[in-house]
N, C-alpha and C. Protein backbone atom coordinates (compact mmCIF):
# COMPACT_ATOMS: atom_id res chain seq x y z
N MET A 1 -77.99 0.24 -21.87
CA MET A 1 -78.77 -0.91 -22.29
C MET A 1 -78.04 -1.55 -23.48
N LYS A 2 -77.88 -2.84 -23.40
CA LYS A 2 -77.13 -3.55 -24.43
C LYS A 2 -77.86 -3.51 -25.77
N TYR A 3 -79.15 -3.78 -25.75
CA TYR A 3 -79.96 -3.74 -26.97
C TYR A 3 -81.08 -2.72 -26.79
N ASP A 4 -81.50 -2.12 -27.88
CA ASP A 4 -82.60 -1.15 -27.82
C ASP A 4 -83.91 -1.88 -28.13
N TYR A 5 -84.46 -2.53 -27.11
CA TYR A 5 -85.71 -3.28 -27.28
C TYR A 5 -86.86 -2.33 -27.63
N LEU A 6 -86.83 -1.14 -27.07
CA LEU A 6 -87.91 -0.19 -27.31
C LEU A 6 -88.04 0.12 -28.80
N GLN A 7 -86.95 0.46 -29.44
CA GLN A 7 -86.99 0.79 -30.86
C GLN A 7 -87.34 -0.44 -31.71
N ALA A 8 -86.72 -1.57 -31.42
CA ALA A 8 -86.97 -2.78 -32.20
C ALA A 8 -88.41 -3.25 -32.06
N PHE A 9 -88.92 -3.23 -30.84
CA PHE A 9 -90.29 -3.71 -30.61
C PHE A 9 -91.32 -2.72 -31.17
N THR A 10 -90.98 -1.43 -31.19
CA THR A 10 -91.88 -0.45 -31.81
C THR A 10 -92.06 -0.77 -33.29
N GLN A 11 -90.98 -1.15 -33.95
CA GLN A 11 -91.06 -1.53 -35.37
C GLN A 11 -91.94 -2.77 -35.55
N LEU A 12 -91.87 -3.71 -34.62
CA LEU A 12 -92.70 -4.91 -34.70
C LEU A 12 -94.17 -4.57 -34.52
N ILE A 13 -94.47 -3.61 -33.66
CA ILE A 13 -95.86 -3.17 -33.48
C ILE A 13 -96.38 -2.56 -34.78
N LYS A 14 -95.56 -1.72 -35.40
CA LYS A 14 -95.96 -1.08 -36.66
C LYS A 14 -96.23 -2.11 -37.75
N ALA A 15 -95.55 -3.25 -37.67
CA ALA A 15 -95.71 -4.31 -38.67
C ALA A 15 -96.84 -5.29 -38.30
N ASN A 16 -97.59 -4.97 -37.25
CA ASN A 16 -98.69 -5.83 -36.78
C ASN A 16 -98.22 -7.23 -36.40
N SER A 17 -97.02 -7.35 -35.93
CA SER A 17 -96.47 -8.66 -35.58
C SER A 17 -97.02 -9.22 -34.28
N LEU A 18 -97.69 -8.39 -33.50
CA LEU A 18 -98.23 -8.89 -32.24
C LEU A 18 -99.35 -9.90 -32.44
N LEU A 19 -99.90 -9.95 -33.64
CA LEU A 19 -100.97 -10.90 -33.92
C LEU A 19 -100.49 -12.34 -33.78
N ASN A 20 -99.18 -12.55 -33.86
CA ASN A 20 -98.60 -13.89 -33.77
C ASN A 20 -98.36 -14.34 -32.34
N LEU A 21 -98.66 -13.49 -31.36
CA LEU A 21 -98.34 -13.80 -29.98
C LEU A 21 -99.56 -14.21 -29.17
N SER A 22 -99.34 -15.15 -28.26
CA SER A 22 -100.39 -15.52 -27.31
C SER A 22 -100.55 -14.38 -26.30
N VAL A 23 -101.57 -14.47 -25.49
CA VAL A 23 -101.81 -13.44 -24.48
C VAL A 23 -100.63 -13.36 -23.51
N ASP A 24 -100.10 -14.51 -23.10
CA ASP A 24 -98.95 -14.52 -22.18
C ASP A 24 -97.75 -13.81 -22.80
N GLN A 25 -97.48 -14.07 -24.06
CA GLN A 25 -96.33 -13.47 -24.72
C GLN A 25 -96.57 -11.99 -25.04
N GLN A 26 -97.83 -11.61 -25.28
CA GLN A 26 -98.14 -10.19 -25.46
C GLN A 26 -97.86 -9.44 -24.16
N GLU A 27 -98.20 -10.08 -23.04
CA GLU A 27 -97.92 -9.47 -21.73
C GLU A 27 -96.42 -9.32 -21.53
N ARG A 28 -95.65 -10.34 -21.87
CA ARG A 28 -94.19 -10.28 -21.77
C ARG A 28 -93.65 -9.17 -22.66
N PHE A 29 -94.15 -9.08 -23.90
CA PHE A 29 -93.76 -8.05 -24.86
C PHE A 29 -93.97 -6.67 -24.25
N MET A 30 -95.14 -6.45 -23.67
CA MET A 30 -95.46 -5.14 -23.11
C MET A 30 -94.60 -4.84 -21.87
N GLN A 31 -94.27 -5.88 -21.08
CA GLN A 31 -93.38 -5.67 -19.94
C GLN A 31 -91.99 -5.24 -20.41
N VAL A 32 -91.50 -5.87 -21.46
CA VAL A 32 -90.19 -5.49 -22.01
C VAL A 32 -90.24 -4.03 -22.48
N MET A 33 -91.32 -3.66 -23.16
CA MET A 33 -91.46 -2.27 -23.63
C MET A 33 -91.47 -1.29 -22.46
N ALA A 34 -92.25 -1.60 -21.43
CA ALA A 34 -92.39 -0.70 -20.28
C ALA A 34 -91.06 -0.54 -19.54
N ILE A 35 -90.38 -1.65 -19.31
CA ILE A 35 -89.10 -1.59 -18.60
C ILE A 35 -88.05 -0.85 -19.43
N SER A 36 -88.03 -1.11 -20.73
CA SER A 36 -87.08 -0.42 -21.61
C SER A 36 -87.32 1.09 -21.58
N TYR A 37 -88.58 1.47 -21.59
CA TYR A 37 -88.92 2.89 -21.53
C TYR A 37 -88.47 3.50 -20.20
N SER A 38 -88.71 2.78 -19.10
CA SER A 38 -88.32 3.33 -17.79
C SER A 38 -86.80 3.49 -17.70
N ILE A 39 -86.05 2.58 -18.31
CA ILE A 39 -84.59 2.71 -18.33
C ILE A 39 -84.18 3.94 -19.12
N LYS A 40 -84.83 4.19 -20.25
CA LYS A 40 -84.52 5.39 -21.04
C LYS A 40 -84.80 6.66 -20.24
N VAL A 41 -85.91 6.66 -19.51
CA VAL A 41 -86.26 7.82 -18.69
C VAL A 41 -85.21 8.02 -17.59
N LEU A 42 -84.83 6.93 -16.94
CA LEU A 42 -83.80 7.02 -15.89
C LEU A 42 -82.48 7.54 -16.46
N ASP A 43 -82.13 7.08 -17.65
CA ASP A 43 -80.91 7.58 -18.30
C ASP A 43 -81.00 9.08 -18.56
N SER A 44 -82.15 9.54 -19.02
CA SER A 44 -82.34 10.97 -19.30
C SER A 44 -82.23 11.79 -18.02
N LEU A 45 -82.83 11.30 -16.96
CA LEU A 45 -82.77 12.01 -15.69
C LEU A 45 -81.35 12.04 -15.14
N GLN A 46 -80.66 10.94 -15.33
CA GLN A 46 -79.28 10.86 -14.84
C GLN A 46 -78.39 11.85 -15.59
N LYS A 47 -78.60 11.95 -16.89
CA LYS A 47 -77.81 12.90 -17.69
C LYS A 47 -78.08 14.33 -17.25
N ALA A 48 -79.31 14.58 -16.83
CA ALA A 48 -79.67 15.92 -16.39
C ALA A 48 -79.31 16.14 -14.91
N ASN A 49 -78.73 15.11 -14.28
CA ASN A 49 -78.35 15.18 -12.86
C ASN A 49 -79.53 15.53 -11.97
N THR A 50 -80.71 15.04 -12.33
CA THR A 50 -81.92 15.36 -11.58
C THR A 50 -81.98 14.64 -10.25
N LEU A 51 -81.67 13.37 -10.25
CA LEU A 51 -81.75 12.58 -9.02
C LEU A 51 -80.43 11.86 -8.78
N LYS A 52 -80.14 11.57 -7.54
CA LYS A 52 -78.88 10.94 -7.19
C LYS A 52 -78.95 9.42 -7.10
N ARG A 53 -80.09 8.86 -6.74
CA ARG A 53 -80.16 7.41 -6.51
C ARG A 53 -80.67 6.64 -7.73
N LEU A 54 -80.46 7.19 -8.89
CA LEU A 54 -80.94 6.56 -10.11
C LEU A 54 -80.18 5.30 -10.48
N ASP A 55 -78.93 5.19 -10.08
CA ASP A 55 -78.13 4.01 -10.42
C ASP A 55 -78.78 2.74 -9.91
N LEU A 56 -79.27 2.75 -8.70
CA LEU A 56 -79.92 1.58 -8.12
C LEU A 56 -81.22 1.27 -8.85
N ASP A 57 -82.01 2.31 -9.12
CA ASP A 57 -83.27 2.11 -9.86
C ASP A 57 -83.00 1.53 -11.24
N ARG A 58 -81.99 2.06 -11.90
CA ARG A 58 -81.65 1.59 -13.25
C ARG A 58 -81.17 0.13 -13.20
N PHE A 59 -80.37 -0.19 -12.20
CA PHE A 59 -79.88 -1.56 -12.04
C PHE A 59 -81.05 -2.53 -11.86
N LYS A 60 -82.02 -2.15 -11.03
CA LYS A 60 -83.19 -3.01 -10.79
C LYS A 60 -83.99 -3.21 -12.09
N GLN A 61 -84.15 -2.15 -12.86
CA GLN A 61 -84.90 -2.25 -14.12
C GLN A 61 -84.13 -3.11 -15.13
N GLN A 62 -82.83 -2.94 -15.18
CA GLN A 62 -82.04 -3.74 -16.12
C GLN A 62 -82.06 -5.21 -15.74
N LYS A 63 -82.10 -5.50 -14.45
CA LYS A 63 -82.18 -6.88 -13.99
C LYS A 63 -83.51 -7.51 -14.41
N LYS A 64 -84.60 -6.76 -14.27
CA LYS A 64 -85.92 -7.25 -14.71
C LYS A 64 -85.92 -7.50 -16.22
N LEU A 65 -85.33 -6.56 -16.96
CA LEU A 65 -85.28 -6.68 -18.41
C LEU A 65 -84.46 -7.91 -18.82
N ALA A 66 -83.36 -8.14 -18.14
CA ALA A 66 -82.53 -9.31 -18.44
C ALA A 66 -83.27 -10.61 -18.16
N GLN A 67 -84.09 -10.62 -17.13
CA GLN A 67 -84.88 -11.80 -16.81
C GLN A 67 -85.90 -12.08 -17.90
N LEU A 68 -86.47 -11.03 -18.46
CA LEU A 68 -87.49 -11.19 -19.50
C LEU A 68 -86.90 -11.52 -20.86
N THR A 69 -85.69 -11.04 -21.12
CA THR A 69 -85.13 -11.16 -22.47
C THR A 69 -83.93 -12.09 -22.58
N GLY A 70 -83.31 -12.41 -21.48
CA GLY A 70 -82.09 -13.22 -21.52
C GLY A 70 -80.93 -12.47 -22.15
N ASN A 71 -81.04 -11.15 -22.27
CA ASN A 71 -80.01 -10.31 -22.88
C ASN A 71 -79.64 -10.75 -24.29
N ILE A 72 -80.63 -11.21 -25.03
CA ILE A 72 -80.38 -11.55 -26.43
C ILE A 72 -81.00 -10.49 -27.33
N GLU A 73 -80.64 -10.52 -28.59
CA GLU A 73 -81.10 -9.49 -29.52
C GLU A 73 -82.63 -9.45 -29.56
N PRO A 74 -83.19 -8.24 -29.76
CA PRO A 74 -84.65 -8.09 -29.75
C PRO A 74 -85.37 -9.03 -30.73
N ILE A 75 -84.86 -9.19 -31.92
CA ILE A 75 -85.55 -10.04 -32.90
C ILE A 75 -85.54 -11.50 -32.44
N GLU A 76 -84.50 -11.90 -31.75
CA GLU A 76 -84.43 -13.27 -31.23
C GLU A 76 -85.41 -13.47 -30.08
N VAL A 77 -85.57 -12.43 -29.26
CA VAL A 77 -86.57 -12.48 -28.18
C VAL A 77 -87.96 -12.63 -28.80
N PHE A 78 -88.22 -11.85 -29.84
CA PHE A 78 -89.53 -11.91 -30.48
C PHE A 78 -89.77 -13.29 -31.12
N LYS A 79 -88.76 -13.84 -31.78
CA LYS A 79 -88.90 -15.17 -32.37
C LYS A 79 -89.23 -16.20 -31.29
N GLU A 80 -88.57 -16.07 -30.14
CA GLU A 80 -88.85 -16.98 -29.02
C GLU A 80 -90.30 -16.82 -28.56
N MET A 81 -90.77 -15.58 -28.50
CA MET A 81 -92.15 -15.33 -28.09
C MET A 81 -93.14 -15.98 -29.05
N VAL A 82 -92.87 -15.86 -30.35
CA VAL A 82 -93.75 -16.46 -31.36
C VAL A 82 -93.73 -17.98 -31.21
N MET A 83 -92.54 -18.55 -31.04
CA MET A 83 -92.42 -20.00 -30.88
C MET A 83 -93.18 -20.48 -29.64
N LEU A 84 -93.03 -19.77 -28.53
CA LEU A 84 -93.74 -20.14 -27.31
C LEU A 84 -95.24 -19.98 -27.48
N SER A 85 -95.66 -19.00 -28.25
CA SER A 85 -97.10 -18.79 -28.51
C SER A 85 -97.68 -19.94 -29.32
N ARG A 86 -96.92 -20.45 -30.25
CA ARG A 86 -97.40 -21.54 -31.10
C ARG A 86 -97.43 -22.87 -30.36
N SER A 87 -96.62 -23.00 -29.32
CA SER A 87 -96.54 -24.28 -28.62
C SER A 87 -97.68 -24.46 -27.63
N LYS A 88 -98.50 -23.46 -27.45
CA LYS A 88 -99.63 -23.57 -26.51
C LYS A 88 -100.86 -24.10 -27.17
């Protein structure tokens, strides 16, 4: 994973930053968190050689994550979410 959205977004939750997001952007935020977590789990399983077809699953999850984030830094994704929330 190019950026660690899971760690960065966890810090934003601790700072109560979700209050700045609309419902749509909160949903996007949570999707990014869920997909990032699933990628970490797939990476862990792959390191343990548990399953063989994990590469395809990981690729699909990374593609979803890229669609949600545009592969930009986590703080920039969050700023975009706040901006989009304010424009509604």
